[in-house]
């Protein structure tokens, strides 16, 4: 059974900022980013345990085309999305969001 994803407000801001930045670089690139992120969210929802654990209970899923990681916690019924971050800019920012 797929778990419900709960995107934290700060994670939503991460997603919006990345989408706008990619869209400014090239038309429809922001849409491509969102589509890939949606596929990763689906994989996380279906089987969150497939992704490596970074620290304690925090796991990370990587996007393939874009240098972003999705940091999340697996809870009893839900998966809490802590951050969607560029891997080369501030990859440790997620630790302050637990």
PDB file of N, CA and C in Angstrom:
ATOM      1  N   UNK A   1       0.839  -1.180   0.000  1.00  0.00           N
ATOM      2  CA  UNK A   1       0.000   0.000   0.000  1.00  0.00           C
ATOM      3  C   UNK A   1       0.887   1.248   0.000  1.00  0.00           C
ATOM      4  N   UNK A   2       0.580   2.171  -0.854  1.00  0.00           N
ATOM      5  CA  UNK A   2       1.343   3.415  -0.956  1.00  0.00           C
ATOM      6  C   UNK A   2       1.067   4.289   0.263  1.00  0.00           C
ATOM      7  N   UNK A   3       2.103   4.937   0.718  1.00  0.00           N
ATOM      8  CA  UNK A   3       1.968   5.864   1.840  1.00  0.00           C
ATOM      9  C   UNK A   3       1.653   7.259   1.319  1.00  0.00           C
ATOM     10  N   UNK A   4       1.001   8.015   2.153  1.00  0.00           N
ATOM     11  CA  UNK A   4       0.654   9.391   1.822  1.00  0.00           C
ATOM     12  C   UNK A   4       1.890  10.262   2.008  1.00  0.00           C
ATOM     13  N   UNK A   5       2.178  11.114   1.021  1.00  0.00           N
ATOM     14  CA  UNK A   5       3.294  12.050   1.130  1.00  0.00           C
ATOM     15  C   UNK A   5       2.807  13.337   1.778  1.00  0.00           C
ATOM     16  N   UNK A   6       3.562  13.805   2.747  1.00  0.00           N
ATOM     17  CA  UNK A   6       3.271  15.077   3.407  1.00  0.00           C
ATOM     18  C   UNK A   6       4.454  15.989   3.115  1.00  0.00           C
ATOM     19  N   UNK A   7       4.235  16.964   2.242  1.00  0.00           N
ATOM     20  CA  UNK A   7       5.295  17.886   1.848  1.00  0.00           C
ATOM     21  C   UNK A   7       5.286  19.059   2.823  1.00  0.00           C
ATOM     22  N   UNK A   8       6.358  19.201   3.567  1.00  0.00           N
ATOM     23  CA  UNK A   8       6.488  20.291   4.522  1.00  0.00           C
ATOM     24  C   UNK A   8       6.502  21.634   3.784  1.00  0.00           C
ATOM     25  N   UNK A   9       6.030  22.710   4.415  1.00  0.00           N
ATOM     26  CA  UNK A   9       5.995  24.024   3.748  1.00  0.00           C
ATOM     27  C   UNK A   9       7.355  24.467   3.202  1.00  0.00           C
ATOM     28  N   UNK A  10       8.428  24.226   3.954  1.00  0.00           N
ATOM     29  CA  UNK A  10       9.748  24.630   3.473  1.00  0.00           C
ATOM     30  C   UNK A  10      10.143  23.825   2.226  1.00  0.00           C
ATOM     31  N   UNK A  11       9.741  22.559   2.185  1.00  0.00           N
ATOM     32  CA  UNK A  11      10.019  21.722   1.009  1.00  0.00           C
ATOM     33  C   UNK A  11       9.270  22.243  -0.208  1.00  0.00           C
ATOM     34  N   UNK A  12       8.049  22.699   0.029  1.00  0.00           N
ATOM     35  CA  UNK A  12       7.268  23.277  -1.060  1.00  0.00           C
ATOM     36  C   UNK A  12       7.970  24.514  -1.616  1.00  0.00           C
ATOM     37  N   UNK A  13       8.565  25.314  -0.736  1.00  0.00           N
ATOM     38  CA  UNK A  13       9.325  26.486  -1.188  1.00  0.00           C
ATOM     39  C   UNK A  13      10.573  26.067  -1.966  1.00  0.00           C
ATOM     40  N   UNK A  14      11.226  24.979  -1.533  1.00  0.00           N
ATOM     41  CA  UNK A  14      12.376  24.443  -2.276  1.00  0.00           C
ATOM     42  C   UNK A  14      11.968  24.103  -3.707  1.00  0.00           C
ATOM     43  N   UNK A  15      10.829  23.424  -3.827  1.00  0.00           N
ATOM     44  CA  UNK A  15      10.337  22.973  -5.135  1.00  0.00           C
ATOM     45  C   UNK A  15       9.997  24.171  -6.017  1.00  0.00           C
ATOM     46  N   UNK A  16       9.312  25.145  -5.452  1.00  0.00           N
ATOM     47  CA  UNK A  16       8.939  26.333  -6.221  1.00  0.00           C
ATOM     48  C   UNK A  16      10.180  27.079  -6.717  1.00  0.00           C
ATOM     49  N   UNK A  17      11.168  27.241  -5.857  1.00  0.00           N
ATOM     50  CA  UNK A  17      12.385  27.970  -6.239  1.00  0.00           C
ATOM     51  C   UNK A  17      13.125  27.241  -7.358  1.00  0.00           C
ATOM     52  N   UNK A  18      13.257  25.927  -7.241  1.00  0.00           N
ATOM     53  CA  UNK A  18      13.957  25.155  -8.273  1.00  0.00           C
ATOM     54  C   UNK A  18      13.201  25.207  -9.593  1.00  0.00           C
ATOM     55  N   UNK A  19      11.894  25.066  -9.531  1.00  0.00           N
ATOM     56  CA  UNK A  19      11.074  25.093 -10.749  1.00  0.00           C
ATOM     57  C   UNK A  19      11.212  26.432 -11.462  1.00  0.00           C
ATOM     58  N   UNK A  20      11.122  27.512 -10.713  1.00  0.00           N
ATOM     59  CA  UNK A  20      11.254  28.842 -11.318  1.00  0.00           C
ATOM     60  C   UNK A  20      12.640  29.040 -11.918  1.00  0.00           C
ATOM     61  N   UNK A  21      13.663  28.590 -11.228  1.00  0.00           N
ATOM     62  CA  UNK A  21      15.023  28.748 -11.735  1.00  0.00           C
ATOM     63  C   UNK A  21      15.186  27.988 -13.056  1.00  0.00           C
ATOM     64  N   UNK A  22      14.726  26.725 -13.102  1.00  0.00           N
ATOM     65  CA  UNK A  22      14.841  25.944 -14.342  1.00  0.00           C
ATOM     66  C   UNK A  22      14.004  26.550 -15.466  1.00  0.00           C
ATOM     67  N   UNK A  23      12.839  27.048 -15.129  1.00  0.00           N
ATOM     68  CA  UNK A  23      11.979  27.649 -16.154  1.00  0.00           C
ATOM     69  C   UNK A  23      12.628  28.912 -16.722  1.00  0.00           C
ATOM     70  N   UNK A  24      13.363  29.643 -15.891  1.00  0.00           N
ATOM     71  CA  UNK A  24      14.088  30.828 -16.380  1.00  0.00           C
ATOM     72  C   UNK A  24      15.243  30.454 -17.304  1.00  0.00           C
ATOM     73  N   UNK A  25      15.792  29.264 -17.114  1.00  0.00           N
ATOM     74  CA  UNK A  25      16.913  28.824 -17.932  1.00  0.00           C
ATOM     75  C   UNK A  25      16.476  28.416 -19.334  1.00  0.00           C
ATOM     76  N   UNK A  26      15.333  27.744 -19.381  1.00  0.00           N
ATOM     77  CA  UNK A  26      14.832  27.237 -20.664  1.00  0.00           C
ATOM     78  C   UNK A  26      13.339  26.950 -20.516  1.00  0.00           C
ATOM     79  N   UNK A  27      12.530  27.409 -21.458  1.00  0.00           N
ATOM     80  CA  UNK A  27      11.096  27.119 -21.375  1.00  0.00           C
ATOM     81  C   UNK A  27      10.830  25.618 -21.273  1.00  0.00           C
ATOM     82  N   UNK A  28       9.923  25.260 -20.394  1.00  0.00           N
ATOM     83  CA  UNK A  28       9.465  23.890 -20.131  1.00  0.00           C
ATOM     84  C   UNK A  28      10.453  23.071 -19.302  1.00  0.00           C
ATOM     85  N   UNK A  29      11.644  23.606 -19.007  1.00  0.00           N
ATOM     86  CA  UNK A  29      12.582  22.861 -18.178  1.00  0.00           C
ATOM     87  C   UNK A  29      12.060  22.747 -16.742  1.00  0.00           C
ATOM     88  N   UNK A  30      11.359  23.771 -16.269  1.00  0.00           N
ATOM     89  CA  UNK A  30      10.732  23.709 -14.952  1.00  0.00           C
ATOM     90  C   UNK A  30       9.676  22.620 -14.894  1.00  0.00           C
ATOM     91  N   UNK A  31       8.928  22.470 -15.973  1.00  0.00           N
ATOM     92  CA  UNK A  31       7.915  21.407 -16.057  1.00  0.00           C
ATOM     93  C   UNK A  31       8.595  20.043 -16.053  1.00  0.00           C
ATOM     94  N   UNK A  32       9.705  19.918 -16.759  1.00  0.00           N
ATOM     95  CA  UNK A  32      10.460  18.661 -16.760  1.00  0.00           C
ATOM     96  C   UNK A  32      10.938  18.315 -15.352  1.00  0.00           C
ATOM     97  N   UNK A  33      11.404  19.333 -14.633  1.00  0.00           N
ATOM     98  CA  UNK A  33      11.837  19.126 -13.249  1.00  0.00           C
ATOM     99  C   UNK A  33      10.680  18.611 -12.399  1.00  0.00           C
ATOM    100  N   UNK A  34       9.530  19.252 -12.504  1.00  0.00           N
ATOM    101  CA  UNK A  34       8.357  18.827 -11.725  1.00  0.00           C
ATOM    102  C   UNK A  34       7.915  17.413 -12.086  1.00  0.00           C
ATOM    103  N   UNK A  35       7.974  17.066 -13.375  1.00  0.00           N
ATOM    104  CA  UNK A  35       7.588  15.723 -13.797  1.00  0.00           C
ATOM    105  C   UNK A  35       8.524  14.665 -13.210  1.00  0.00           C
ATOM    106  N   UNK A  36       9.816  14.947 -13.234  1.00  0.00           N
ATOM    107  CA  UNK A  36      10.753  13.989 -12.648  1.00  0.00           C
ATOM    108  C   UNK A  36      10.570  13.901 -11.136  1.00  0.00           C
ATOM    109  N   UNK A  37      10.349  15.030 -10.498  1.00  0.00           N
ATOM    110  CA  UNK A  37      10.113  15.026  -9.059  1.00  0.00           C
ATOM    111  C   UNK A  37       8.868  14.219  -8.718  1.00  0.00           C
ATOM    112  N   UNK A  38       7.840  14.346  -9.522  1.00  0.00           N
ATOM    113  CA  UNK A  38       6.608  13.578  -9.295  1.00  0.00           C
ATOM    114  C   UNK A  38       6.871  12.071  -9.400  1.00  0.00           C
ATOM    115  N   UNK A  39       7.702  11.676 -10.358  1.00  0.00           N
ATOM    116  CA  UNK A  39       8.050  10.248 -10.480  1.00  0.00           C
ATOM    117  C   UNK A  39       8.807   9.760  -9.247  1.00  0.00           C
ATOM    118  N   UNK A  40       9.713  10.575  -8.746  1.00  0.00           N
ATOM    119  CA  UNK A  40      10.454  10.201  -7.530  1.00  0.00           C
ATOM    120  C   UNK A  40       9.504  10.144  -6.335  1.00  0.00           C
ATOM    121  N   UNK A  41       8.605  11.106  -6.220  1.00  0.00           N
ATOM    122  CA  UNK A  41       7.608  11.072  -5.146  1.00  0.00           C
ATOM    123  C   UNK A  41       6.782   9.788  -5.205  1.00  0.00           C
ATOM    124  N   UNK A  42       6.416   9.365  -6.393  1.00  0.00           N
ATOM    125  CA  UNK A  42       5.635   8.135  -6.551  1.00  0.00           C
ATOM    126  C   UNK A  42       6.432   6.926  -6.064  1.00  0.00           C
ATOM    127  N   UNK A  43       7.700   6.870  -6.442  1.00  0.00           N
ATOM    128  CA  UNK A  43       8.560   5.771  -5.992  1.00  0.00           C
ATOM    129  C   UNK A  43       8.720   5.780  -4.478  1.00  0.00           C
ATOM    130  N   UNK A  44       8.878   6.968  -3.902  1.00  0.00           N
ATOM    131  CA  UNK A  44       8.993   7.071  -2.441  1.00  0.00           C
ATOM    132  C   UNK A  44       7.713   6.581  -1.784  1.00  0.00           C
ATOM    133  N   UNK A  45       6.579   7.009  -2.296  1.00  0.00           N
ATOM    134  CA  UNK A  45       5.288   6.622  -1.734  1.00  0.00           C
ATOM    135  C   UNK A  45       5.079   5.110  -1.779  1.00  0.00           C
ATOM    136  N   UNK A  46       5.472   4.490  -2.877  1.00  0.00           N
ATOM    137  CA  UNK A  46       5.256   3.058  -3.064  1.00  0.00           C
ATOM    138  C   UNK A  46       6.210   2.198  -2.245  1.00  0.00           C
ATOM    139  N   UNK A  47       7.462   2.635  -2.107  1.00  0.00           N
ATOM    140  CA  UNK A  47       8.440   1.825  -1.387  1.00  0.00           C
ATOM    141  C   UNK A  47       9.556   2.700  -0.822  1.00  0.00           C
ATOM    142  N   UNK A  48       9.287   3.410   0.271  1.00  0.00           N
ATOM    143  CA  UNK A  48      10.286   4.333   0.810  1.00  0.00           C
ATOM    144  C   UNK A  48      11.554   3.634   1.310  1.00  0.00           C
ATOM    145  N   UNK A  49      11.445   2.377   1.666  1.00  0.00           N
ATOM    146  CA  UNK A  49      12.595   1.645   2.207  1.00  0.00           C
ATOM    147  C   UNK A  49      13.663   1.361   1.149  1.00  0.00           C
ATOM    148  N   UNK A  50      13.355   1.550  -0.129  1.00  0.00           N
ATOM    149  CA  UNK A  50      14.335   1.274  -1.184  1.00  0.00           C
ATOM    150  C   UNK A  50      15.453   2.320  -1.239  1.00  0.00           C
ATOM    151  N   UNK A  51      15.259   3.443  -0.563  1.00  0.00           N
ATOM    152  CA  UNK A  51      16.227   4.531  -0.611  1.00  0.00           C
ATOM    153  C   UNK A  51      17.145   4.477   0.602  1.00  0.00           C
ATOM    154  N   UNK A  52      18.397   4.864   0.413  1.00  0.00           N
ATOM    155  CA  UNK A  52      19.358   4.741   1.515  1.00  0.00           C
ATOM    156  C   UNK A  52      19.061   5.688   2.673  1.00  0.00           C
ATOM    157  N   UNK A  53      19.390   5.181   3.849  1.00  0.00           N
ATOM    158  CA  UNK A  53      19.255   5.953   5.071  1.00  0.00           C
ATOM    159  C   UNK A  53      20.528   6.771   5.260  1.00  0.00           C
ATOM    160  N   UNK A  54      20.370   8.068   5.507  1.00  0.00           N
ATOM    161  CA  UNK A  54      21.531   8.937   5.687  1.00  0.00           C
ATOM    162  C   UNK A  54      21.920   9.066   7.148  1.00  0.00           C
ATOM    163  N   UNK A  55      20.945   9.365   7.962  1.00  0.00           N
ATOM    164  CA  UNK A  55      21.185   9.586   9.379  1.00  0.00           C
ATOM    165  C   UNK A  55      19.928   9.194  10.130  1.00  0.00           C
ATOM    166  N   UNK A  56      20.067   8.300  11.069  1.00  0.00           N
ATOM    167  CA  UNK A  56      18.933   7.815  11.860  1.00  0.00           C
ATOM    168  C   UNK A  56      17.796   7.374  10.935  1.00  0.00           C
ATOM    169  N   UNK A  57      16.735   8.149  10.866  1.00  0.00           N
ATOM    170  CA  UNK A  57      15.578   7.743  10.066  1.00  0.00           C
ATOM    171  C   UNK A  57      15.413   8.559   8.788  1.00  0.00           C
ATOM    172  N   UNK A  58      16.325   9.454   8.486  1.00  0.00           N
ATOM    173  CA  UNK A  58      16.214  10.276   7.274  1.00  0.00           C
ATOM    174  C   UNK A  58      16.763   9.505   6.078  1.00  0.00           C
ATOM    175  N   UNK A  59      15.980   9.485   5.018  1.00  0.00           N
ATOM    176  CA  UNK A  59      16.376   8.816   3.780  1.00  0.00           C
ATOM    177  C   UNK A  59      16.469   9.854   2.662  1.00  0.00           C
ATOM    178  N   UNK A  60      17.160   9.462   1.571  1.00  0.00           N
ATOM    179  CA  UNK A  60      17.305  10.383   0.439  1.00  0.00           C
ATOM    180  C   UNK A  60      17.081   9.651  -0.877  1.00  0.00           C
ATOM    181  N   UNK A  61      16.263  10.268  -1.722  1.00  0.00           N
ATOM    182  CA  UNK A  61      16.045   9.787  -3.085  1.00  0.00           C
ATOM    183  C   UNK A  61      16.638  10.826  -4.027  1.00  0.00           C
ATOM    184  N   UNK A  62      17.325  10.364  -5.051  1.00  0.00           N
ATOM    185  CA  UNK A  62      17.959  11.267  -6.014  1.00  0.00           C
ATOM    186  C   UNK A  62      17.156  11.346  -7.299  1.00  0.00           C
ATOM    187  N   UNK A  63      17.074  12.553  -7.849  1.00  0.00           N
ATOM    188  CA  UNK A  63      16.522  12.705  -9.183  1.00  0.00           C
ATOM    189  C   UNK A  63      17.619  12.325 -10.168  1.00  0.00           C
ATOM    190  N   UNK A  64      17.255  11.824 -11.326  1.00  0.00           N
ATOM    191  CA  UNK A  64      18.255  11.367 -12.292  1.00  0.00           C
ATOM    192  C   UNK A  64      18.774  12.493 -13.179  1.00  0.00           C
ATOM    193  N   UNK A  65      17.896  13.271 -13.723  1.00  0.00           N
ATOM    194  CA  UNK A  65      18.289  14.303 -14.687  1.00  0.00           C
ATOM    195  C   UNK A  65      18.750  15.595 -14.020  1.00  0.00           C
ATOM    196  N   UNK A  66      18.286  15.845 -12.828  1.00  0.00           N
ATOM    197  CA  UNK A  66      18.574  17.087 -12.122  1.00  0.00           C
ATOM    198  C   UNK A  66      19.358  16.776 -10.850  1.00  0.00           C
ATOM    199  N   UNK A  67      20.304  17.646 -10.459  1.00  0.00           N
ATOM    200  CA  UNK A  67      21.143  17.354  -9.292  1.00  0.00           C
ATOM    201  C   UNK A  67      20.445  17.703  -7.971  1.00  0.00           C
ATOM    202  N   UNK A  68      19.334  17.040  -7.719  1.00  0.00           N
ATOM    203  CA  UNK A  68      18.540  17.297  -6.517  1.00  0.00           C
ATOM    204  C   UNK A  68      18.309  16.007  -5.752  1.00  0.00           C
ATOM    205  N   UNK A  69      18.205  16.164  -4.436  1.00  0.00           N
ATOM    206  CA  UNK A  69      17.863  15.059  -3.568  1.00  0.00           C
ATOM    207  C   UNK A  69      16.594  15.389  -2.806  1.00  0.00           C
ATOM    208  N   UNK A  70      15.786  14.355  -2.569  1.00  0.00           N
ATOM    209  CA  UNK A  70      14.575  14.483  -1.765  1.00  0.00           C
ATOM    210  C   UNK A  70      14.867  13.804  -0.436  1.00  0.00           C
ATOM    211  N   UNK A  71      14.827  14.562   0.638  1.00  0.00           N
ATOM    212  CA  UNK A  71      15.126  14.067   1.979  1.00  0.00           C
ATOM    213  C   UNK A  71      13.800  13.859   2.700  1.00  0.00           C
ATOM    214  N   UNK A  72      13.632  12.681   3.309  1.00  0.00           N
ATOM    215  CA  UNK A  72      12.337  12.362   3.894  1.00  0.00           C
ATOM    216  C   UNK A  72      12.446  11.440   5.093  1.00  0.00           C
ATOM    217  N   UNK A  73      11.375  11.441   5.893  1.00  0.00           N
ATOM    218  CA  UNK A  73      11.216  10.554   7.042  1.00  0.00           C
ATOM    219  C   UNK A  73      10.061   9.608   6.764  1.00  0.00           C
ATOM    220  N   UNK A  74      10.236   8.346   7.088  1.00  0.00           N
ATOM    221  CA  UNK A  74       9.172   7.365   6.945  1.00  0.00           C
ATOM    222  C   UNK A  74       8.467   7.239   8.291  1.00  0.00           C
ATOM    223  N   UNK A  75       7.174   7.493   8.286  1.00  0.00           N
ATOM    224  CA  UNK A  75       6.370   7.382   9.494  1.00  0.00           C
ATOM    225  C   UNK A  75       5.386   6.230   9.322  1.00  0.00           C
ATOM    226  N   UNK A  76       4.608   5.953  10.327  1.00  0.00           N
ATOM    227  CA  UNK A  76       3.713   4.787  10.310  1.00  0.00           C
ATOM    228  C   UNK A  76       2.804   4.755   9.082  1.00  0.00           C
ATOM    229  N   UNK A  77       2.124   5.849   8.807  1.00  0.00           N
ATOM    230  CA  UNK A  77       1.185   5.902   7.683  1.00  0.00           C
ATOM    231  C   UNK A  77       1.653   6.806   6.553  1.00  0.00           C
ATOM    232  N   UNK A  78       2.564   7.716   6.867  1.00  0.00           N
ATOM    233  CA  UNK A  78       2.941   8.772   5.939  1.00  0.00           C
ATOM    234  C   UNK A  78       4.440   8.786   5.682  1.00  0.00           C
ATOM    235  N   UNK A  79       4.799   9.559   4.684  1.00  0.00           N
ATOM    236  CA  UNK A  79       6.197   9.912   4.437  1.00  0.00           C
ATOM    237  C   UNK A  79       6.253  11.433   4.473  1.00  0.00           C
ATOM    238  N   UNK A  80       7.100  11.963   5.353  1.00  0.00           N
ATOM    239  CA  UNK A  80       7.227  13.413   5.500  1.00  0.00           C
ATOM    240  C   UNK A  80       8.413  13.888   4.670  1.00  0.00           C
ATOM    241  N   UNK A  81       8.144  14.730   3.672  1.00  0.00           N
ATOM    242  CA  UNK A  81       9.194  15.300   2.830  1.00  0.00           C
ATOM    243  C   UNK A  81       9.790  16.489   3.572  1.00  0.00           C
ATOM    244  N   UNK A  82      11.059  16.355   3.976  1.00  0.00           N
ATOM    245  CA  UNK A  82      11.738  17.402   4.740  1.00  0.00           C
ATOM    246  C   UNK A  82      12.325  18.483   3.848  1.00  0.00           C
ATOM    247  N   UNK A  83      12.899  18.067   2.709  1.00  0.00           N
ATOM    248  CA  UNK A  83      13.596  19.021   1.859  1.00  0.00           C
ATOM    249  C   UNK A  83      13.759  18.457   0.454  1.00  0.00           C
ATOM    250  N   UNK A  84      13.826  19.352  -0.514  1.00  0.00           N
ATOM    251  CA  UNK A  84      14.172  19.033  -1.897  1.00  0.00           C
ATOM    252  C   UNK A  84      15.304  19.995  -2.234  1.00  0.00           C
ATOM    253  N   UNK A  85      16.550  19.486  -2.194  1.00  0.00           N
ATOM    254  CA  UNK A  85      17.713  20.372  -2.241  1.00  0.00           C
ATOM    255  C   UNK A  85      18.680  20.026  -3.361  1.00  0.00           C
ATOM    256  N   UNK A  86      19.310  21.064  -3.870  1.00  0.00           N
ATOM    257  CA  UNK A  86      20.392  20.905  -4.847  1.00  0.00           C
ATOM    258  C   UNK A  86      21.555  20.232  -4.144  1.00  0.00           C
ATOM    259  N   UNK A  87      22.119  19.220  -4.758  1.00  0.00           N
ATOM    260  CA  UNK A  87      23.152  18.416  -4.111  1.00  0.00           C
ATOM    261  C   UNK A  87      24.493  19.129  -3.977  1.00  0.00           C
ATOM    262  N   UNK A  88      24.711  20.184  -4.758  1.00  0.00           N
ATOM    263  CA  UNK A  88      26.001  20.870  -4.723  1.00  0.00           C
ATOM    264  C   UNK A  88      25.952  22.205  -3.987  1.00  0.00           C
ATOM    265  N   UNK A  89      24.780  22.626  -3.589  1.00  0.00           N
ATOM    266  CA  UNK A  89      24.666  23.926  -2.929  1.00  0.00           C
ATOM    267  C   UNK A  89      24.595  23.776  -1.417  1.00  0.00           C
ATOM    268  N   UNK A  90      23.527  23.238  -0.916  1.00  0.00           N
ATOM    269  CA  UNK A  90      23.338  23.114   0.532  1.00  0.00           C
ATOM    270  C   UNK A  90      22.783  21.737   0.871  1.00  0.00           C
ATOM    271  N   UNK A  91      23.539  20.687   0.591  1.00  0.00           N
ATOM    272  CA  UNK A  91      22.986  19.352   0.774  1.00  0.00           C
ATOM    273  C   UNK A  91      22.717  18.968   2.226  1.00  0.00           C
ATOM    274  N   UNK A  92      23.295  19.681   3.189  1.00  0.00           N
ATOM    275  CA  UNK A  92      23.076  19.342   4.598  1.00  0.00           C
ATOM    276  C   UNK A  92      21.979  20.171   5.256  1.00  0.00           C
ATOM    277  N   UNK A  93      21.344  21.049   4.501  1.00  0.00           N
ATOM    278  CA  UNK A  93      20.297  21.904   5.063  1.00  0.00           C
ATOM    279  C   UNK A  93      19.139  21.093   5.637  1.00  0.00           C
ATOM    280  N   UNK A  94      18.909  19.905   5.122  1.00  0.00           N
ATOM    281  CA  UNK A  94      17.801  19.085   5.584  1.00  0.00           C
ATOM    282  C   UNK A  94      17.896  18.772   7.077  1.00  0.00           C
ATOM    283  N   UNK A  95      19.132  18.699   7.595  1.00  0.00           N
ATOM    284  CA  UNK A  95      19.293  18.281   8.995  1.00  0.00           C
ATOM    285  C   UNK A  95      18.664  19.252   9.977  1.00  0.00           C
ATOM    286  N   UNK A  96      18.500  20.501   9.596  1.00  0.00           N
ATOM    287  CA  UNK A  96      17.858  21.459  10.495  1.00  0.00           C
ATOM    288  C   UNK A  96      16.339  21.401  10.403  1.00  0.00           C
ATOM    289  N   UNK A  97      15.792  20.570   9.534  1.00  0.00           N
ATOM    290  CA  UNK A  97      14.339  20.509   9.325  1.00  0.00           C
ATOM    291  C   UNK A  97      13.683  19.289   9.958  1.00  0.00           C
ATOM    292  N   UNK A  98      14.423  18.467  10.641  1.00  0.00           N
ATOM    293  CA  UNK A  98      13.852  17.246  11.238  1.00  0.00           C
ATOM    294  C   UNK A  98      12.905  17.577  12.287  1.00  0.00           C
TER     295      UNK A  98
END
